[in-house]
Amino acid sequence: MDNLGFMTCLPFSLFFLSMGLVFSTLKGKAVTLLSQFNSLSKEEQKKYNKEQISKTQAKTFYVWTFLLGIGAIASYFISTYIGILAFLTWLFLFLKDAKNTPEQNFRKYSKKRKETE
């Protein structure tokens, strides 16, 4: 294990790229892969715009792919510490959203909110 930054960032980057493609392809159907969305009741789920949630999640996965991909490349060619820094940055971004309740995360996708604007 010569380069921890590269070996950490590359698999995550490829995984998030594949998830981004899944969410981009399946559109609204992909929200079933989000555990927080599945924790809502069926009635609650109907209140939210699934297409928009999926689109935003795909963009998030692509940002993570870019961040970790750059980290992997820089780690391979420059210093393993860059990859570790990229991974820690991703971890911060991930945990920032993971601590919220489903209602907090999906509030901006409310169908009712769109109708009143």
N, C-alpha and C. Protein backbone atom coordinates (compact mmCIF):
# COMPACT_ATOMS: atom_id res chain seq x y z
N MET A 1 0.85 -1.17 0.00
CA MET A 1 0.00 0.00 0.00
C MET A 1 0.89 1.24 0.00
N ASP A 2 1.43 1.55 -1.16
CA ASP A 2 2.37 2.66 -1.28
C ASP A 2 1.70 4.02 -1.19
N ASN A 3 0.53 4.15 -1.77
CA ASN A 3 -0.09 5.46 -1.86
C ASN A 3 -1.52 5.41 -1.31
N LEU A 4 -1.66 5.67 -0.04
CA LEU A 4 -2.95 5.59 0.63
C LEU A 4 -3.97 6.56 0.03
N GLY A 5 -3.54 7.76 -0.31
CA GLY A 5 -4.45 8.76 -0.88
C GLY A 5 -5.04 8.28 -2.19
N PHE A 6 -4.21 7.74 -3.07
CA PHE A 6 -4.67 7.23 -4.36
C PHE A 6 -5.59 6.04 -4.18
N MET A 7 -5.18 5.10 -3.34
CA MET A 7 -5.96 3.88 -3.13
C MET A 7 -7.29 4.14 -2.42
N THR A 8 -7.41 5.25 -1.74
CA THR A 8 -8.66 5.61 -1.08
C THR A 8 -9.56 6.39 -2.04
N CYS A 9 -9.01 7.36 -2.72
CA CYS A 9 -9.82 8.25 -3.56
C CYS A 9 -10.33 7.59 -4.83
N LEU A 10 -9.50 6.79 -5.49
CA LEU A 10 -9.90 6.22 -6.77
C LEU A 10 -11.16 5.35 -6.69
N PRO A 11 -11.24 4.37 -5.77
CA PRO A 11 -12.46 3.55 -5.71
C PRO A 11 -13.71 4.37 -5.37
N PHE A 12 -13.57 5.31 -4.45
CA PHE A 12 -14.71 6.15 -4.11
C PHE A 12 -15.14 6.98 -5.31
N SER A 13 -14.17 7.52 -6.03
CA SER A 13 -14.47 8.33 -7.20
C SER A 13 -15.23 7.52 -8.25
N LEU A 14 -14.78 6.32 -8.51
CA LEU A 14 -15.45 5.45 -9.49
C LEU A 14 -16.85 5.05 -9.01
N PHE A 15 -16.98 4.79 -7.72
CA PHE A 15 -18.30 4.45 -7.17
C PHE A 15 -19.27 5.62 -7.33
N PHE A 16 -18.82 6.82 -6.98
CA PHE A 16 -19.71 7.98 -7.07
C PHE A 16 -20.03 8.33 -8.53
N LEU A 17 -19.10 8.07 -9.43
CA LEU A 17 -19.39 8.26 -10.85
C LEU A 17 -20.51 7.33 -11.29
N SER A 18 -20.42 6.06 -10.88
CA SER A 18 -21.47 5.11 -11.25
C SER A 18 -22.81 5.49 -10.62
N MET A 19 -22.79 5.97 -9.39
CA MET A 19 -24.04 6.39 -8.74
C MET A 19 -24.62 7.63 -9.44
N GLY A 20 -23.77 8.54 -9.84
CA GLY A 20 -24.23 9.71 -10.58
C GLY A 20 -24.90 9.31 -11.88
N LEU A 21 -24.31 8.34 -12.57
CA LEU A 21 -24.90 7.85 -13.82
C LEU A 21 -26.24 7.16 -13.57
N VAL A 22 -26.33 6.40 -12.48
CA VAL A 22 -27.59 5.74 -12.13
C VAL A 22 -28.67 6.79 -11.86
N PHE A 23 -28.35 7.81 -11.08
CA PHE A 23 -29.34 8.83 -10.75
C PHE A 23 -29.70 9.67 -11.98
N SER A 24 -28.75 9.90 -12.87
CA SER A 24 -29.04 10.65 -14.09
C SER A 24 -29.91 9.84 -15.04
N THR A 25 -29.68 8.55 -15.09
CA THR A 25 -30.42 7.68 -16.01
C THR A 25 -31.82 7.36 -15.51
N LEU A 26 -31.92 6.97 -14.24
CA LEU A 26 -33.22 6.54 -13.70
C LEU A 26 -34.12 7.70 -13.29
N LYS A 27 -33.55 8.87 -13.17
CA LYS A 27 -34.26 10.09 -12.79
C LYS A 27 -35.06 9.88 -11.49
N GLY A 28 -36.35 10.12 -11.48
CA GLY A 28 -37.15 10.07 -10.26
C GLY A 28 -37.19 8.71 -9.59
N LYS A 29 -37.02 7.65 -10.36
CA LYS A 29 -37.05 6.30 -9.78
C LYS A 29 -35.85 6.03 -8.89
N ALA A 30 -34.77 6.77 -9.10
CA ALA A 30 -33.54 6.54 -8.34
C ALA A 30 -33.64 6.98 -6.89
N VAL A 31 -34.64 7.79 -6.54
CA VAL A 31 -34.73 8.26 -5.16
C VAL A 31 -34.97 7.11 -4.19
N THR A 32 -35.41 5.97 -4.69
CA THR A 32 -35.60 4.82 -3.81
C THR A 32 -34.27 4.31 -3.26
N LEU A 33 -33.17 4.73 -3.85
CA LEU A 33 -31.84 4.35 -3.37
C LEU A 33 -31.38 5.22 -2.20
N LEU A 34 -32.11 6.28 -1.91
CA LEU A 34 -31.75 7.17 -0.80
C LEU A 34 -32.44 6.71 0.47
N SER A 35 -31.67 6.30 1.45
CA SER A 35 -32.25 5.76 2.68
C SER A 35 -33.11 6.78 3.40
N GLN A 36 -32.71 8.05 3.39
CA GLN A 36 -33.52 9.06 4.09
C GLN A 36 -34.87 9.23 3.41
N PHE A 37 -34.92 9.13 2.10
CA PHE A 37 -36.20 9.26 1.40
C PHE A 37 -37.08 8.05 1.70
N ASN A 38 -36.48 6.87 1.77
CA ASN A 38 -37.24 5.66 2.08
C ASN A 38 -37.75 5.64 3.51
N SER A 39 -37.12 6.41 4.39
CA SER A 39 -37.59 6.45 5.78
C SER A 39 -38.88 7.25 5.93
N LEU A 40 -39.23 8.02 4.90
CA LEU A 40 -40.49 8.77 4.92
C LEU A 40 -41.65 7.84 4.58
N SER A 41 -42.82 8.15 5.09
CA SER A 41 -44.01 7.37 4.73
C SER A 41 -44.34 7.62 3.26
N LYS A 42 -45.16 6.75 2.69
CA LYS A 42 -45.55 6.89 1.28
C LYS A 42 -46.27 8.23 1.06
N GLU A 43 -47.07 8.63 2.02
CA GLU A 43 -47.77 9.92 1.91
C GLU A 43 -46.78 11.08 1.92
N GLU A 44 -45.78 11.00 2.79
CA GLU A 44 -44.76 12.05 2.85
C GLU A 44 -43.96 12.10 1.54
N GLN A 45 -43.65 10.94 0.99
CA GLN A 45 -42.87 10.88 -0.25
C GLN A 45 -43.58 11.58 -1.40
N LYS A 46 -44.91 11.50 -1.41
CA LYS A 46 -45.69 12.13 -2.48
C LYS A 46 -45.61 13.65 -2.45
N LYS A 47 -45.20 14.21 -1.33
CA LYS A 47 -45.13 15.66 -1.18
C LYS A 47 -43.90 16.26 -1.84
N TYR A 48 -42.97 15.41 -2.29
CA TYR A 48 -41.69 15.91 -2.79
C TYR A 48 -41.50 15.60 -4.27
N ASN A 49 -40.79 16.47 -4.95
CA ASN A 49 -40.49 16.33 -6.37
C ASN A 49 -39.32 15.36 -6.54
N LYS A 50 -39.63 14.13 -6.89
CA LYS A 50 -38.62 13.08 -7.00
C LYS A 50 -37.62 13.35 -8.12
N GLU A 51 -38.10 13.93 -9.21
CA GLU A 51 -37.20 14.23 -10.34
C GLU A 51 -36.11 15.22 -9.91
N GLN A 52 -36.52 16.25 -9.17
CA GLN A 52 -35.56 17.27 -8.74
C GLN A 52 -34.59 16.71 -7.70
N ILE A 53 -35.09 15.88 -6.80
CA ILE A 53 -34.21 15.25 -5.80
C ILE A 53 -33.16 14.42 -6.51
N SER A 54 -33.58 13.63 -7.48
CA SER A 54 -32.66 12.76 -8.21
C SER A 54 -31.63 13.58 -8.99
N LYS A 55 -32.08 14.66 -9.61
CA LYS A 55 -31.17 15.52 -10.38
C LYS A 55 -30.11 16.15 -9.47
N THR A 56 -30.55 16.64 -8.31
CA THR A 56 -29.62 17.25 -7.37
C THR A 56 -28.65 16.22 -6.80
N GLN A 57 -29.15 15.02 -6.50
CA GLN A 57 -28.27 13.98 -5.96
C GLN A 57 -27.24 13.55 -7.00
N ALA A 58 -27.65 13.47 -8.27
CA ALA A 58 -26.69 13.13 -9.33
C ALA A 58 -25.59 14.19 -9.40
N LYS A 59 -25.97 15.46 -9.33
CA LYS A 59 -24.97 16.53 -9.34
C LYS A 59 -24.02 16.41 -8.15
N THR A 60 -24.57 16.08 -7.00
CA THR A 60 -23.74 15.90 -5.81
C THR A 60 -22.74 14.77 -6.02
N PHE A 61 -23.21 13.66 -6.59
CA PHE A 61 -22.31 12.54 -6.87
C PHE A 61 -21.22 12.94 -7.85
N TYR A 62 -21.55 13.76 -8.85
CA TYR A 62 -20.55 14.20 -9.82
C TYR A 62 -19.52 15.14 -9.17
N VAL A 63 -19.96 15.98 -8.26
CA VAL A 63 -19.02 16.85 -7.54
C VAL A 63 -18.07 16.00 -6.71
N TRP A 64 -18.62 15.00 -6.02
CA TRP A 64 -17.78 14.11 -5.22
C TRP A 64 -16.81 13.34 -6.11
N THR A 65 -17.28 12.90 -7.29
CA THR A 65 -16.42 12.20 -8.24
C THR A 65 -15.25 13.08 -8.65
N PHE A 66 -15.56 14.34 -8.98
CA PHE A 66 -14.51 15.28 -9.39
C PHE A 66 -13.51 15.51 -8.27
N LEU A 67 -14.02 15.78 -7.07
CA LEU A 67 -13.16 16.04 -5.92
C LEU A 67 -12.22 14.87 -5.65
N LEU A 68 -12.78 13.68 -5.57
CA LEU A 68 -11.97 12.50 -5.27
C LEU A 68 -11.10 12.07 -6.45
N GLY A 69 -11.58 12.30 -7.67
CA GLY A 69 -10.77 12.00 -8.85
C GLY A 69 -9.53 12.88 -8.92
N ILE A 70 -9.72 14.17 -8.69
CA ILE A 70 -8.58 15.09 -8.64
C ILE A 70 -7.65 14.70 -7.50
N GLY A 71 -8.23 14.32 -6.37
CA GLY A 71 -7.42 13.88 -5.23
C GLY A 71 -6.60 12.65 -5.57
N ALA A 72 -7.21 11.70 -6.29
CA ALA A 72 -6.49 10.48 -6.67
C ALA A 72 -5.35 10.78 -7.63
N ILE A 73 -5.63 11.61 -8.64
CA ILE A 73 -4.60 11.95 -9.63
C ILE A 73 -3.46 12.72 -8.97
N ALA A 74 -3.81 13.73 -8.18
CA ALA A 74 -2.78 14.53 -7.51
C ALA A 74 -2.00 13.68 -6.51
N SER A 75 -2.68 12.77 -5.86
CA SER A 75 -2.02 11.89 -4.90
C SER A 75 -1.02 10.98 -5.61
N TYR A 76 -1.39 10.51 -6.78
CA TYR A 76 -0.51 9.61 -7.53
C TYR A 76 0.73 10.33 -8.05
N PHE A 77 0.54 11.55 -8.57
CA PHE A 77 1.65 12.25 -9.21
C PHE A 77 2.40 13.23 -8.30
N ILE A 78 1.75 13.73 -7.26
CA ILE A 78 2.39 14.76 -6.43
C ILE A 78 2.70 14.25 -5.03
N SER A 79 1.63 14.05 -4.23
CA SER A 79 1.83 13.62 -2.84
C SER A 79 0.60 12.90 -2.34
N THR A 80 0.81 11.85 -1.59
CA THR A 80 -0.31 11.09 -1.04
C THR A 80 -1.17 11.94 -0.11
N TYR A 81 -0.58 12.97 0.46
CA TYR A 81 -1.33 13.83 1.38
C TYR A 81 -2.44 14.60 0.69
N ILE A 82 -2.29 14.87 -0.59
CA ILE A 82 -3.35 15.56 -1.33
C ILE A 82 -4.58 14.66 -1.42
N GLY A 83 -4.37 13.38 -1.65
CA GLY A 83 -5.49 12.44 -1.69
C GLY A 83 -6.17 12.33 -0.35
N ILE A 84 -5.39 12.32 0.70
CA ILE A 84 -5.96 12.25 2.05
C ILE A 84 -6.76 13.51 2.34
N LEU A 85 -6.24 14.67 1.93
CA LEU A 85 -6.96 15.93 2.10
C LEU A 85 -8.27 15.93 1.31
N ALA A 86 -8.23 15.41 0.08
CA ALA A 86 -9.45 15.31 -0.73
C ALA A 86 -10.47 14.41 -0.06
N PHE A 87 -10.02 13.29 0.49
CA PHE A 87 -10.93 12.37 1.17
C PHE A 87 -11.55 13.02 2.40
N LEU A 88 -10.74 13.72 3.18
CA LEU A 88 -11.26 14.40 4.38
C LEU A 88 -12.25 15.51 4.00
N THR A 89 -11.99 16.19 2.89
CA THR A 89 -12.92 17.21 2.40
C THR A 89 -14.24 16.56 2.02
N TRP A 90 -14.19 15.43 1.30
CA TRP A 90 -15.41 14.71 0.95
C TRP A 90 -16.15 14.28 2.22
N LEU A 91 -15.42 13.76 3.19
CA LEU A 91 -16.04 13.30 4.43
C LEU A 91 -16.78 14.43 5.13
N PHE A 92 -16.18 15.61 5.16
CA PHE A 92 -16.84 16.78 5.74
C PHE A 92 -18.13 17.10 4.99
N LEU A 93 -18.08 17.13 3.66
CA LEU A 93 -19.27 17.43 2.86
C LEU A 93 -20.36 16.38 3.08
N PHE A 94 -19.96 15.13 3.16
CA PHE A 94 -20.92 14.05 3.37
C PHE A 94 -21.59 14.16 4.73
N LEU A 95 -20.80 14.33 5.77
CA LEU A 95 -21.34 14.39 7.13
C LEU A 95 -22.19 15.64 7.36
N LYS A 96 -21.89 16.70 6.65
CA LYS A 96 -22.67 17.94 6.76
C LYS A 96 -24.13 17.68 6.38
N ASP A 97 -24.34 16.89 5.33
CA ASP A 97 -25.70 16.58 4.89
C ASP A 97 -26.30 15.40 5.65
N ALA A 98 -25.48 14.47 6.09
CA ALA A 98 -25.97 13.27 6.75
C ALA A 98 -26.57 13.54 8.12
N LYS A 99 -26.17 14.63 8.75
CA LYS A 99 -26.67 14.92 10.10
C LYS A 99 -28.09 15.48 10.09
N ASN A 100 -28.57 15.93 8.93
CA ASN A 100 -29.91 16.51 8.85
C ASN A 100 -30.99 15.43 8.85
N THR A 101 -32.19 15.82 9.27
CA THR A 101 -33.33 14.92 9.19
C THR A 101 -33.82 14.88 7.74
N PRO A 102 -34.59 13.86 7.37
CA PRO A 102 -35.11 13.82 6.01
C PRO A 102 -35.92 15.07 5.65
N GLU A 103 -36.70 15.56 6.59
CA GLU A 103 -37.51 16.75 6.33
C GLU A 103 -36.63 17.95 6.01
N GLN A 104 -35.51 18.08 6.73
CA GLN A 104 -34.59 19.18 6.46
C GLN A 104 -33.93 19.04 5.09
N ASN A 105 -33.57 17.82 4.73
CA ASN A 105 -32.90 17.61 3.45
C ASN A 105 -33.83 17.78 2.26
N PHE A 106 -35.10 17.43 2.40
CA PHE A 106 -36.01 17.44 1.26
C PHE A 106 -36.97 18.62 1.24
N ARG A 107 -36.92 19.48 2.23
CA ARG A 107 -37.83 20.62 2.32
C ARG A 107 -37.84 21.46 1.03
N LYS A 108 -36.68 21.68 0.45
CA LYS A 108 -36.60 22.53 -0.74
C LYS A 108 -37.17 21.86 -1.99
N TYR A 109 -37.54 20.59 -1.90
CA TYR A 109 -38.12 19.88 -3.04
C TYR A 109 -39.63 19.67 -2.88
N SER A 110 -40.22 20.37 -1.95
CA SER A 110 -41.65 20.22 -1.69
C SER A 110 -42.46 20.67 -2.89
N LYS A 111 -43.43 19.85 -3.31
CA LYS A 111 -44.32 20.21 -4.42
C LYS A 111 -45.20 21.39 -4.02
N LYS A 112 -45.62 21.41 -2.77
CA LYS A 112 -46.48 22.48 -2.27
C LYS A 112 -45.76 23.82 -2.36
N ARG A 113 -44.50 23.83 -2.06
CA ARG A 113 -43.69 25.05 -2.10
C ARG A 113 -43.63 25.59 -3.52
N LYS A 114 -43.50 24.72 -4.51
CA LYS A 114 -43.45 25.13 -5.92
C LYS A 114 -44.76 25.76 -6.36
N GLU A 115 -45.89 25.22 -5.88
CA GLU A 115 -47.19 25.73 -6.28
C GLU A 115 -47.44 27.14 -5.76
N THR A 116 -46.91 27.46 -4.59
CA THR A 116 -47.16 28.77 -4.00
C THR A 116 -46.26 29.85 -4.57
N GLU A 117 -45.18 29.48 -5.27
CA GLU A 117 -44.25 30.48 -5.81
C GLU A 117 -44.75 31.07 -7.10
